[in-house]
Amino acid sequence: TAWMLSPLVLWGAAVVALTVPYLFIVFVRQVPEYERTFPVARPAIYLASYGDEPPQRGFFGFPHRDGWKVVGELYRRGIIQGSYDSNQKSLITLWYIRNAPRAAYGTEPAWYFAARSEGYLFVPEGYALAGSVLVDGRRMLDMYQQGEQHQPVQTFDLRDFQAAFDAQPVPNIPIQPGLFDIIKK
């Protein structure tokens, strides 16, 4: 049985040696962004079973660098206040903006945040550009405030806010009720 153990250990080590770097590339590494630059960001050793076009559904946890940490930090400092809406999904904005209220459907929020990387850039009527976020020198996120423009448009660089945002404790964000929450009811 000892002679069988050696190949199994080697096979297991090979699987781990191939899997861990792939998981890092897909779910941790932020530059280059795996999903947005696919298949260029994929090393040749990791051929995808779905080819060079990513599947249209089922994405989970791909890190994006849109500049949301700036918005979250501006909310935390009280520079931005009030409700908001965005062209990005609630789960993304909730992570970064945390306790700021997302406007209910049909209401007019104080702010509208438009991620320029999304396929559509819709800005509701009655909003003026108040600021933009630069990520590595590229304009990635626009901040629109309800009403007419009164102040000059501000430009914020992610590098100036990232460390302060990252230093904050990770909040407990209830994405869906857990088993104990259901039992309590």
N, C-alpha and C. Protein backbone atom coordinates (compact mmCIF):
# COMPACT_ATOMS: atom_id res chain seq x y z
N THR A 1 0.81 -1.21 0.00
CA THR A 1 0.00 0.00 0.00
C THR A 1 0.85 1.26 0.00
N ALA A 2 2.07 1.17 0.52
CA ALA A 2 2.94 2.34 0.54
C ALA A 2 3.31 2.76 -0.87
N TRP A 3 3.44 1.80 -1.79
CA TRP A 3 3.80 2.14 -3.17
C TRP A 3 2.67 2.87 -3.88
N MET A 4 1.41 2.69 -3.40
CA MET A 4 0.27 3.39 -3.99
C MET A 4 0.13 4.81 -3.44
N LEU A 5 0.61 5.01 -2.24
CA LEU A 5 0.47 6.31 -1.59
C LEU A 5 1.27 7.40 -2.31
N SER A 6 2.45 7.07 -2.78
CA SER A 6 3.32 8.04 -3.44
C SER A 6 2.66 8.68 -4.67
N PRO A 7 2.12 7.91 -5.61
CA PRO A 7 1.47 8.55 -6.77
C PRO A 7 0.25 9.39 -6.37
N LEU A 8 -0.50 8.95 -5.37
CA LEU A 8 -1.66 9.72 -4.93
C LEU A 8 -1.24 11.06 -4.34
N VAL A 9 -0.19 11.05 -3.55
CA VAL A 9 0.30 12.30 -2.97
C VAL A 9 0.81 13.23 -4.07
N LEU A 10 1.55 12.68 -5.03
CA LEU A 10 2.04 13.50 -6.15
C LEU A 10 0.89 14.06 -6.97
N TRP A 11 -0.12 13.25 -7.24
CA TRP A 11 -1.28 13.71 -8.01
C TRP A 11 -2.01 14.82 -7.25
N GLY A 12 -2.21 14.63 -5.95
CA GLY A 12 -2.88 15.65 -5.13
C GLY A 12 -2.09 16.95 -5.08
N ALA A 13 -0.78 16.86 -4.97
CA ALA A 13 0.07 18.05 -4.95
C ALA A 13 0.00 18.77 -6.30
N ALA A 14 -0.05 18.02 -7.40
CA ALA A 14 -0.15 18.63 -8.73
C ALA A 14 -1.49 19.36 -8.89
N VAL A 15 -2.57 18.76 -8.40
CA VAL A 15 -3.88 19.41 -8.48
C VAL A 15 -3.88 20.72 -7.69
N VAL A 16 -3.34 20.69 -6.50
CA VAL A 16 -3.27 21.90 -5.67
C VAL A 16 -2.38 22.95 -6.33
N ALA A 17 -1.24 22.52 -6.88
CA ALA A 17 -0.31 23.46 -7.52
C ALA A 17 -0.94 24.13 -8.74
N LEU A 18 -1.86 23.46 -9.42
CA LEU A 18 -2.53 24.07 -10.57
C LEU A 18 -3.77 24.86 -10.17
N THR A 19 -4.47 24.43 -9.15
CA THR A 19 -5.73 25.04 -8.76
C THR A 19 -5.55 26.35 -8.01
N VAL A 20 -4.66 26.40 -7.06
CA VAL A 20 -4.51 27.60 -6.22
C VAL A 20 -4.13 28.83 -7.04
N PRO A 21 -3.15 28.74 -7.95
CA PRO A 21 -2.87 29.94 -8.75
C PRO A 21 -4.06 30.38 -9.61
N TYR A 22 -4.81 29.42 -10.14
CA TYR A 22 -5.98 29.76 -10.95
C TYR A 22 -7.01 30.50 -10.10
N LEU A 23 -7.28 30.00 -8.90
CA LEU A 23 -8.25 30.67 -8.02
C LEU A 23 -7.79 32.08 -7.67
N PHE A 24 -6.49 32.26 -7.46
CA PHE A 24 -5.96 33.59 -7.18
C PHE A 24 -6.18 34.52 -8.37
N ILE A 25 -5.88 34.04 -9.57
CA ILE A 25 -6.02 34.86 -10.78
C ILE A 25 -7.48 35.28 -10.97
N VAL A 26 -8.40 34.37 -10.77
CA VAL A 26 -9.81 34.64 -11.06
C VAL A 26 -10.48 35.46 -9.97
N PHE A 27 -10.24 35.13 -8.69
CA PHE A 27 -11.04 35.72 -7.62
C PHE A 27 -10.31 36.72 -6.72
N VAL A 28 -8.99 36.86 -6.84
CA VAL A 28 -8.27 37.76 -5.95
C VAL A 28 -7.56 38.86 -6.72
N ARG A 29 -6.80 38.48 -7.72
CA ARG A 29 -5.99 39.45 -8.47
C ARG A 29 -6.91 40.51 -9.10
N GLN A 30 -6.53 41.76 -8.96
CA GLN A 30 -7.34 42.84 -9.50
C GLN A 30 -6.78 43.44 -10.78
N VAL A 31 -5.51 43.23 -11.03
CA VAL A 31 -4.90 43.79 -12.23
C VAL A 31 -4.13 42.70 -12.95
N PRO A 32 -4.44 42.38 -14.19
CA PRO A 32 -5.58 42.88 -14.94
C PRO A 32 -6.88 42.22 -14.48
N GLU A 33 -8.00 42.87 -14.71
CA GLU A 33 -9.29 42.34 -14.29
C GLU A 33 -9.63 41.14 -15.18
N TYR A 34 -9.81 40.00 -14.56
CA TYR A 34 -9.97 38.73 -15.28
C TYR A 34 -11.19 38.75 -16.20
N GLU A 35 -12.36 39.06 -15.65
CA GLU A 35 -13.58 38.99 -16.44
C GLU A 35 -13.61 40.02 -17.56
N ARG A 36 -13.20 41.24 -17.26
CA ARG A 36 -13.30 42.32 -18.25
C ARG A 36 -12.27 42.22 -19.36
N THR A 37 -11.17 41.52 -19.12
CA THR A 37 -10.15 41.39 -20.16
C THR A 37 -10.05 39.96 -20.68
N PHE A 38 -11.01 39.13 -20.33
CA PHE A 38 -11.02 37.73 -20.76
C PHE A 38 -11.12 37.67 -22.28
N PRO A 39 -10.37 36.86 -22.96
CA PRO A 39 -9.47 35.82 -22.52
C PRO A 39 -8.01 36.26 -22.39
N VAL A 40 -7.72 37.55 -22.62
CA VAL A 40 -6.35 38.03 -22.58
C VAL A 40 -5.70 37.80 -21.21
N ALA A 41 -6.47 37.99 -20.11
CA ALA A 41 -5.91 37.87 -18.77
C ALA A 41 -5.73 36.41 -18.33
N ARG A 42 -6.24 35.50 -19.10
CA ARG A 42 -6.16 34.07 -18.73
C ARG A 42 -4.85 33.49 -19.25
N PRO A 43 -4.02 32.94 -18.36
CA PRO A 43 -2.81 32.27 -18.82
C PRO A 43 -3.17 31.07 -19.70
N ALA A 44 -2.34 30.79 -20.68
CA ALA A 44 -2.61 29.72 -21.65
C ALA A 44 -2.78 28.35 -20.99
N ILE A 45 -2.18 28.15 -19.84
CA ILE A 45 -2.27 26.85 -19.17
C ILE A 45 -3.70 26.56 -18.68
N TYR A 46 -4.48 27.60 -18.49
CA TYR A 46 -5.85 27.44 -17.98
C TYR A 46 -6.86 27.64 -19.10
N LEU A 47 -7.02 26.65 -19.93
CA LEU A 47 -8.01 26.72 -20.99
C LEU A 47 -9.40 26.54 -20.40
N ALA A 48 -10.31 27.41 -20.77
CA ALA A 48 -11.67 27.34 -20.25
C ALA A 48 -12.49 26.36 -21.08
N SER A 49 -13.33 25.59 -20.42
CA SER A 49 -14.17 24.62 -21.13
C SER A 49 -15.17 25.32 -22.05
N TYR A 50 -15.45 26.61 -21.80
CA TYR A 50 -16.40 27.36 -22.61
C TYR A 50 -15.70 28.20 -23.67
N GLY A 51 -14.41 28.02 -23.86
CA GLY A 51 -13.69 28.70 -24.94
C GLY A 51 -13.25 30.10 -24.57
N ASP A 52 -13.21 30.96 -25.57
CA ASP A 52 -12.73 32.32 -25.38
C ASP A 52 -13.83 33.34 -25.13
N GLU A 53 -15.06 32.90 -25.04
CA GLU A 53 -16.18 33.77 -24.69
C GLU A 53 -16.71 33.35 -23.33
N PRO A 54 -16.67 34.24 -22.33
CA PRO A 54 -17.17 33.84 -21.01
C PRO A 54 -18.67 33.57 -21.04
N PRO A 55 -19.14 32.69 -20.18
CA PRO A 55 -20.58 32.42 -20.15
C PRO A 55 -21.34 33.68 -19.76
N GLN A 56 -22.57 33.80 -20.22
CA GLN A 56 -23.38 34.99 -19.95
C GLN A 56 -23.94 35.02 -18.55
N ARG A 57 -23.92 33.91 -17.85
CA ARG A 57 -24.47 33.85 -16.50
C ARG A 57 -23.50 33.12 -15.59
N GLY A 58 -23.71 33.29 -14.31
CA GLY A 58 -22.96 32.51 -13.34
C GLY A 58 -21.69 33.15 -12.84
N PHE A 59 -21.46 34.44 -13.14
CA PHE A 59 -20.26 35.08 -12.60
C PHE A 59 -20.39 35.22 -11.09
N PHE A 60 -19.29 34.99 -10.42
CA PHE A 60 -19.29 35.13 -8.97
C PHE A 60 -17.96 35.70 -8.53
N GLY A 61 -17.98 36.85 -7.88
CA GLY A 61 -16.82 37.36 -7.19
C GLY A 61 -15.67 37.88 -8.01
N PHE A 62 -15.86 38.19 -9.29
CA PHE A 62 -14.76 38.74 -10.04
C PHE A 62 -14.46 40.14 -9.53
N PRO A 63 -13.24 40.40 -9.07
CA PRO A 63 -12.92 41.74 -8.57
C PRO A 63 -12.87 42.76 -9.71
N HIS A 64 -13.52 43.87 -9.51
CA HIS A 64 -13.50 44.96 -10.47
C HIS A 64 -12.95 46.19 -9.77
N ARG A 65 -12.34 47.04 -10.52
CA ARG A 65 -11.78 48.28 -9.98
C ARG A 65 -12.50 49.46 -10.61
N ASP A 66 -13.67 49.77 -10.09
CA ASP A 66 -14.47 50.87 -10.63
C ASP A 66 -14.36 52.14 -9.81
N GLY A 67 -13.73 52.09 -8.64
CA GLY A 67 -13.59 53.29 -7.82
C GLY A 67 -14.63 53.42 -6.72
N TRP A 68 -15.35 52.35 -6.43
CA TRP A 68 -16.40 52.42 -5.41
C TRP A 68 -15.86 52.70 -4.02
N LYS A 69 -14.61 52.38 -3.77
CA LYS A 69 -14.03 52.67 -2.45
C LYS A 69 -14.02 54.17 -2.18
N VAL A 70 -13.86 54.97 -3.21
CA VAL A 70 -13.90 56.43 -3.06
C VAL A 70 -15.28 56.87 -2.59
N VAL A 71 -16.32 56.36 -3.25
CA VAL A 71 -17.69 56.73 -2.88
C VAL A 71 -17.98 56.28 -1.44
N GLY A 72 -17.59 55.06 -1.10
CA GLY A 72 -17.80 54.58 0.26
C GLY A 72 -17.11 55.44 1.29
N GLU A 73 -15.90 55.85 1.00
CA GLU A 73 -15.16 56.69 1.94
C GLU A 73 -15.75 58.10 2.02
N LEU A 74 -16.24 58.63 0.90
CA LEU A 74 -16.88 59.96 0.94
C LEU A 74 -18.17 59.91 1.75
N TYR A 75 -18.91 58.82 1.67
CA TYR A 75 -20.09 58.64 2.53
C TYR A 75 -19.67 58.56 3.99
N ARG A 76 -18.65 57.76 4.27
CA ARG A 76 -18.22 57.57 5.66
C ARG A 76 -17.78 58.89 6.28
N ARG A 77 -17.13 59.73 5.51
CA ARG A 77 -16.66 61.03 6.01
C ARG A 77 -17.77 62.07 6.06
N GLY A 78 -18.93 61.77 5.50
CA GLY A 78 -20.05 62.71 5.51
C GLY A 78 -20.01 63.72 4.38
N ILE A 79 -19.09 63.57 3.46
CA ILE A 79 -19.00 64.50 2.32
C ILE A 79 -20.16 64.26 1.37
N ILE A 80 -20.53 63.00 1.19
CA ILE A 80 -21.72 62.65 0.43
C ILE A 80 -22.75 62.16 1.43
N GLN A 81 -23.97 62.65 1.30
CA GLN A 81 -25.06 62.24 2.18
C GLN A 81 -26.32 62.03 1.35
N GLY A 82 -27.21 61.21 1.88
CA GLY A 82 -28.49 61.01 1.22
C GLY A 82 -28.55 59.72 0.44
N SER A 83 -29.71 59.47 -0.12
CA SER A 83 -29.94 58.23 -0.85
C SER A 83 -29.23 58.27 -2.21
N TYR A 84 -29.11 57.09 -2.80
CA TYR A 84 -28.43 56.99 -4.08
C TYR A 84 -29.10 55.91 -4.94
N ASP A 85 -28.74 55.93 -6.20
CA ASP A 85 -29.06 54.84 -7.12
C ASP A 85 -27.86 54.70 -8.03
N SER A 86 -27.81 53.62 -8.78
CA SER A 86 -26.65 53.35 -9.62
C SER A 86 -27.02 52.45 -10.77
N ASN A 87 -26.13 52.39 -11.75
CA ASN A 87 -26.30 51.46 -12.85
C ASN A 87 -25.65 50.11 -12.54
N GLN A 88 -25.14 49.94 -11.32
CA GLN A 88 -24.59 48.65 -10.91
C GLN A 88 -25.51 47.99 -9.89
N LYS A 89 -25.36 46.70 -9.76
CA LYS A 89 -26.23 45.90 -8.90
C LYS A 89 -26.08 46.28 -7.43
N SER A 90 -27.14 46.06 -6.70
CA SER A 90 -27.17 46.41 -5.27
C SER A 90 -26.10 45.69 -4.46
N LEU A 91 -25.81 44.44 -4.78
CA LEU A 91 -24.80 43.71 -4.00
C LEU A 91 -23.42 44.34 -4.14
N ILE A 92 -23.13 44.92 -5.28
CA ILE A 92 -21.84 45.58 -5.46
C ILE A 92 -21.82 46.88 -4.66
N THR A 93 -22.83 47.71 -4.85
CA THR A 93 -22.83 49.01 -4.17
C THR A 93 -22.97 48.85 -2.66
N LEU A 94 -23.73 47.87 -2.21
CA LEU A 94 -23.91 47.64 -0.77
C LEU A 94 -22.58 47.36 -0.09
N TRP A 95 -21.72 46.62 -0.75
CA TRP A 95 -20.43 46.29 -0.15
C TRP A 95 -19.59 47.54 0.09
N TYR A 96 -19.61 48.46 -0.84
CA TYR A 96 -18.75 49.64 -0.74
C TYR A 96 -19.41 50.80 -0.03
N ILE A 97 -20.69 51.03 -0.29
CA ILE A 97 -21.36 52.19 0.29
C ILE A 97 -21.93 51.86 1.66
N ARG A 98 -22.12 50.61 1.93
CA ARG A 98 -22.49 50.05 3.22
C ARG A 98 -23.83 50.55 3.74
N ASN A 99 -23.89 51.52 4.60
CA ASN A 99 -25.15 51.87 5.26
C ASN A 99 -25.95 52.97 4.56
N ALA A 100 -25.46 53.47 3.44
CA ALA A 100 -26.21 54.52 2.74
C ALA A 100 -27.45 53.90 2.11
N PRO A 101 -28.57 54.60 2.18
CA PRO A 101 -29.82 54.02 1.64
C PRO A 101 -29.89 54.09 0.13
N ARG A 102 -30.11 52.96 -0.49
CA ARG A 102 -30.35 52.95 -1.94
C ARG A 102 -31.80 53.35 -2.15
N ALA A 103 -32.03 54.23 -3.08
CA ALA A 103 -33.38 54.77 -3.31
C ALA A 103 -34.33 53.66 -3.75
N ALA A 104 -35.54 53.74 -3.25
CA ALA A 104 -36.58 52.80 -3.66
C ALA A 104 -36.98 53.10 -5.10
N TYR A 105 -37.44 52.08 -5.78
CA TYR A 105 -37.85 52.23 -7.17
C TYR A 105 -38.92 53.32 -7.28
N GLY A 106 -38.74 54.23 -8.22
CA GLY A 106 -39.72 55.28 -8.44
C GLY A 106 -39.46 56.55 -7.65
N THR A 107 -38.47 56.53 -6.76
CA THR A 107 -38.13 57.75 -6.01
C THR A 107 -36.90 58.39 -6.62
N GLU A 108 -36.68 59.64 -6.28
CA GLU A 108 -35.53 60.36 -6.81
C GLU A 108 -34.45 60.45 -5.74
N PRO A 109 -33.35 59.74 -5.92
CA PRO A 109 -32.27 59.78 -4.93
C PRO A 109 -31.50 61.10 -5.01
N ALA A 110 -30.76 61.38 -3.95
CA ALA A 110 -29.92 62.57 -3.93
C ALA A 110 -28.74 62.41 -4.88
N TRP A 111 -28.28 61.18 -5.07
CA TRP A 111 -27.10 60.90 -5.88
C TRP A 111 -27.38 59.78 -6.87
N TYR A 112 -26.70 59.84 -8.00
CA TYR A 112 -26.72 58.74 -8.96
C TYR A 112 -25.27 58.47 -9.35
N PHE A 113 -24.84 57.21 -9.15
CA PHE A 113 -23.46 56.82 -9.46
C PHE A 113 -23.46 55.93 -10.69
N ALA A 114 -22.69 56.33 -11.69
CA ALA A 114 -22.64 55.60 -12.96
C ALA A 114 -21.25 55.02 -13.18
N ALA A 115 -21.17 53.70 -13.13
CA ALA A 115 -19.92 53.02 -13.44
C ALA A 115 -19.75 53.01 -14.95
N ARG A 116 -18.69 53.60 -15.42
CA ARG A 116 -18.48 53.75 -16.86
C ARG A 116 -18.13 52.43 -17.53
N SER A 117 -17.79 51.41 -16.76
CA SER A 117 -17.44 50.11 -17.32
C SER A 117 -18.66 49.29 -17.70
N GLU A 118 -19.81 49.67 -17.21
CA GLU A 118 -21.04 48.94 -17.53
C GLU A 118 -21.42 49.18 -18.98
N GLY A 119 -22.18 48.29 -19.53
CA GLY A 119 -22.57 48.38 -20.93
C GLY A 119 -23.51 49.53 -21.23
N TYR A 120 -24.10 50.11 -20.21
CA TYR A 120 -25.04 51.21 -20.43
C TYR A 120 -24.73 52.33 -19.44
N LEU A 121 -24.79 53.55 -19.92
CA LEU A 121 -24.54 54.71 -19.07
C LEU A 121 -25.79 55.58 -19.10
N PHE A 122 -26.74 55.25 -18.27
CA PHE A 122 -27.97 56.00 -18.19
C PHE A 122 -27.88 56.93 -16.99
N VAL A 123 -28.16 58.19 -17.21
CA VAL A 123 -28.22 59.15 -16.11
C VAL A 123 -29.60 59.78 -16.14
N PRO A 124 -30.34 59.70 -15.04
CA PRO A 124 -31.69 60.27 -15.02
C PRO A 124 -31.66 61.78 -15.25
N GLU A 125 -32.76 62.29 -15.75
CA GLU A 125 -32.89 63.74 -15.94
C GLU A 125 -32.88 64.43 -14.58
N GLY A 126 -32.36 65.63 -14.56
CA GLY A 126 -32.36 66.42 -13.33
C GLY A 126 -31.13 66.21 -12.46
N TYR A 127 -30.10 65.58 -13.01
CA TYR A 127 -28.87 65.33 -12.25
C TYR A 127 -27.70 65.99 -12.96
N ALA A 128 -26.79 66.56 -12.19
CA ALA A 128 -25.61 67.22 -12.74
C ALA A 128 -24.36 66.48 -12.28
N LEU A 129 -23.37 66.42 -13.15
CA LEU A 129 -22.12 65.76 -12.81
C LEU A 129 -21.45 66.54 -11.68
N ALA A 130 -21.19 65.86 -10.56
CA ALA A 130 -20.55 66.50 -9.41
C ALA A 130 -19.11 66.04 -9.23
N GLY A 131 -18.82 64.84 -9.72
CA GLY A 131 -17.46 64.32 -9.55
C GLY A 131 -17.22 63.07 -10.37
N SER A 132 -15.95 62.74 -10.49
CA SER A 132 -15.53 61.52 -11.18
C SER A 132 -14.42 60.87 -10.38
N VAL A 133 -14.32 59.55 -10.53
CA VAL A 133 -13.28 58.79 -9.84
C VAL A 133 -12.31 58.24 -10.88
N LEU A 134 -11.04 58.48 -10.64
CA LEU A 134 -9.99 57.96 -11.51
C LEU A 134 -9.40 56.70 -10.88
N VAL A 135 -9.25 55.68 -11.70
CA VAL A 135 -8.58 54.44 -11.28
C VAL A 135 -7.43 54.23 -12.25
N ASP A 136 -6.22 54.29 -11.73
CA ASP A 136 -5.02 54.17 -12.57
C ASP A 136 -5.06 55.17 -13.72
N GLY A 137 -5.54 56.37 -13.43
CA GLY A 137 -5.58 57.44 -14.42
C GLY A 137 -6.76 57.40 -15.37
N ARG A 138 -7.62 56.38 -15.24
CA ARG A 138 -8.79 56.26 -16.12
C ARG A 138 -10.06 56.64 -15.37
N ARG A 139 -10.91 57.41 -16.02
CA ARG A 139 -12.19 57.81 -15.43
C ARG A 139 -13.12 56.59 -15.44
N MET A 140 -13.45 56.08 -14.24
CA MET A 140 -14.20 54.83 -14.14
C MET A 140 -15.58 55.00 -13.54
N LEU A 141 -15.80 56.03 -12.74
CA LEU A 141 -17.07 56.18 -12.03
C LEU A 141 -17.43 57.66 -12.01
N ASP A 142 -18.68 57.97 -12.36
CA ASP A 142 -19.17 59.35 -12.32
C ASP A 142 -20.20 59.48 -11.22
N MET A 143 -20.16 60.62 -10.54
CA MET A 143 -21.08 60.90 -9.43
C MET A 143 -21.96 62.08 -9.84
N TYR A 144 -23.24 61.83 -9.91
CA TYR A 144 -24.21 62.86 -10.29
C TYR A 144 -25.05 63.22 -9.08
N GLN A 145 -25.26 64.52 -8.89
CA GLN A 145 -26.07 65.00 -7.78
C GLN A 145 -27.36 65.59 -8.34
N GLN A 146 -28.44 65.37 -7.60
CA GLN A 146 -29.74 65.89 -8.03
C GLN A 146 -29.69 67.42 -8.06
N GLY A 147 -30.26 68.00 -9.09
CA GLY A 147 -30.31 69.46 -9.21
C GLY A 147 -29.32 69.96 -10.24
N GLU A 148 -29.16 71.26 -10.27
CA GLU A 148 -28.25 71.89 -11.23
C GLU A 148 -26.86 71.96 -10.64
N GLN A 149 -25.87 72.00 -11.51
CA GLN A 149 -24.48 72.04 -11.08
C GLN A 149 -24.17 73.41 -10.48
N HIS A 150 -23.71 73.42 -9.24
CA HIS A 150 -23.35 74.68 -8.56
C HIS A 150 -21.86 74.76 -8.28
N GLN A 151 -21.23 73.63 -8.10
CA GLN A 151 -19.80 73.56 -7.78
C GLN A 151 -19.04 73.06 -9.01
N PRO A 152 -17.74 73.34 -9.07
CA PRO A 152 -16.96 72.73 -10.15
C PRO A 152 -16.90 71.20 -9.94
N VAL A 153 -16.83 70.48 -11.04
CA VAL A 153 -16.77 69.02 -10.98
C VAL A 153 -15.44 68.62 -10.33
N GLN A 154 -15.52 67.75 -9.32
CA GLN A 154 -14.33 67.30 -8.61
C GLN A 154 -13.85 65.97 -9.18
N THR A 155 -12.55 65.79 -9.15
CA THR A 155 -11.97 64.52 -9.58
C THR A 155 -11.28 63.90 -8.37
N PHE A 156 -11.61 62.64 -8.11
CA PHE A 156 -11.05 61.91 -6.99
C PHE A 156 -10.22 60.75 -7.52
N ASP A 157 -9.05 60.54 -6.93
CA ASP A 157 -8.18 59.44 -7.34
C ASP A 157 -8.32 58.30 -6.32
N LEU A 158 -8.55 57.10 -6.82
CA LEU A 158 -8.71 55.94 -5.94
C LEU A 158 -7.54 55.81 -4.97
N ARG A 159 -6.34 56.09 -5.41
CA ARG A 159 -5.15 55.93 -4.55
C ARG A 159 -5.24 56.78 -3.29
N ASP A 160 -5.93 57.90 -3.35
CA ASP A 160 -6.03 58.79 -2.20
C ASP A 160 -7.03 58.30 -1.15
N PHE A 161 -7.87 57.33 -1.49
CA PHE A 161 -8.93 56.88 -0.60
C PHE A 161 -8.85 55.40 -0.25
N GLN A 162 -8.13 54.64 -1.02
CA GLN A 162 -8.13 53.19 -0.89
C GLN A 162 -7.66 52.73 0.49
N ALA A 163 -6.57 53.27 1.00
CA ALA A 163 -6.04 52.83 2.29
C ALA A 163 -7.03 53.12 3.42
N ALA A 164 -7.66 54.29 3.40
CA ALA A 164 -8.63 54.63 4.44
C ALA A 164 -9.83 53.71 4.39
N PHE A 165 -10.31 53.39 3.19
CA PHE A 165 -11.45 52.47 3.05
C PHE A 165 -11.07 51.08 3.54
N ASP A 166 -9.90 50.60 3.13
CA ASP A 166 -9.46 49.26 3.50
C ASP A 166 -9.20 49.13 5.00
N ALA A 167 -8.92 50.23 5.68
CA ALA A 167 -8.65 50.19 7.13
C ALA A 167 -9.93 50.03 7.95
N GLN A 168 -11.09 50.24 7.34
CA GLN A 168 -12.36 50.12 8.06
C GLN A 168 -12.71 48.65 8.28
N PRO A 169 -13.37 48.35 9.39
CA PRO A 169 -13.77 46.96 9.62
C PRO A 169 -14.81 46.52 8.59
N VAL A 170 -14.76 45.25 8.25
CA VAL A 170 -15.72 44.70 7.30
C VAL A 170 -17.06 44.58 8.01
N PRO A 171 -18.11 45.18 7.45
CA PRO A 171 -19.42 45.15 8.12
C PRO A 171 -20.11 43.80 7.93
N ASN A 172 -21.06 43.56 8.79
CA ASN A 172 -21.90 42.38 8.64
C ASN A 172 -23.05 42.78 7.72
N ILE A 173 -22.96 42.36 6.48
CA ILE A 173 -23.97 42.73 5.50
C ILE A 173 -24.87 41.52 5.27
N PRO A 174 -26.10 41.57 5.75
CA PRO A 174 -27.01 40.43 5.54
C PRO A 174 -27.51 40.40 4.10
N ILE A 175 -26.97 39.49 3.32
CA ILE A 175 -27.36 39.39 1.92
C ILE A 175 -28.67 38.62 1.79
N GLN A 176 -28.82 37.59 2.57
CA GLN A 176 -30.07 36.86 2.62
C GLN A 176 -30.17 36.27 4.01
N PRO A 177 -31.37 35.99 4.48
CA PRO A 177 -31.51 35.50 5.85
C PRO A 177 -30.84 34.14 6.02
N GLY A 178 -30.15 34.00 7.13
CA GLY A 178 -29.53 32.73 7.46
C GLY A 178 -30.51 31.83 8.18
N LEU A 179 -30.09 30.61 8.46
CA LEU A 179 -30.94 29.63 9.11
C LEU A 179 -31.43 30.13 10.47
N PHE A 180 -30.54 30.75 11.26
CA PHE A 180 -30.93 31.22 12.58
C PHE A 180 -31.90 32.39 12.51
N ASP A 181 -31.78 33.22 11.46
CA ASP A 181 -32.72 34.32 11.28
C ASP A 181 -34.14 33.77 11.00
N ILE A 182 -34.20 32.71 10.22
CA ILE A 182 -35.50 32.11 9.89
C ILE A 182 -36.11 31.46 11.12
N ILE A 183 -35.28 30.78 11.92
CA ILE A 183 -35.77 30.09 13.11
C ILE A 183 -36.31 31.10 14.13
N LYS A 184 -35.64 32.26 14.27
CA LYS A 184 -36.07 33.28 15.23
C LYS A 184 -37.48 33.78 14.93
N LYS A 185 -37.84 33.83 13.67
CA LYS A 185 -39.16 34.34 13.29
C LYS A 185 -40.18 33.30 13.61
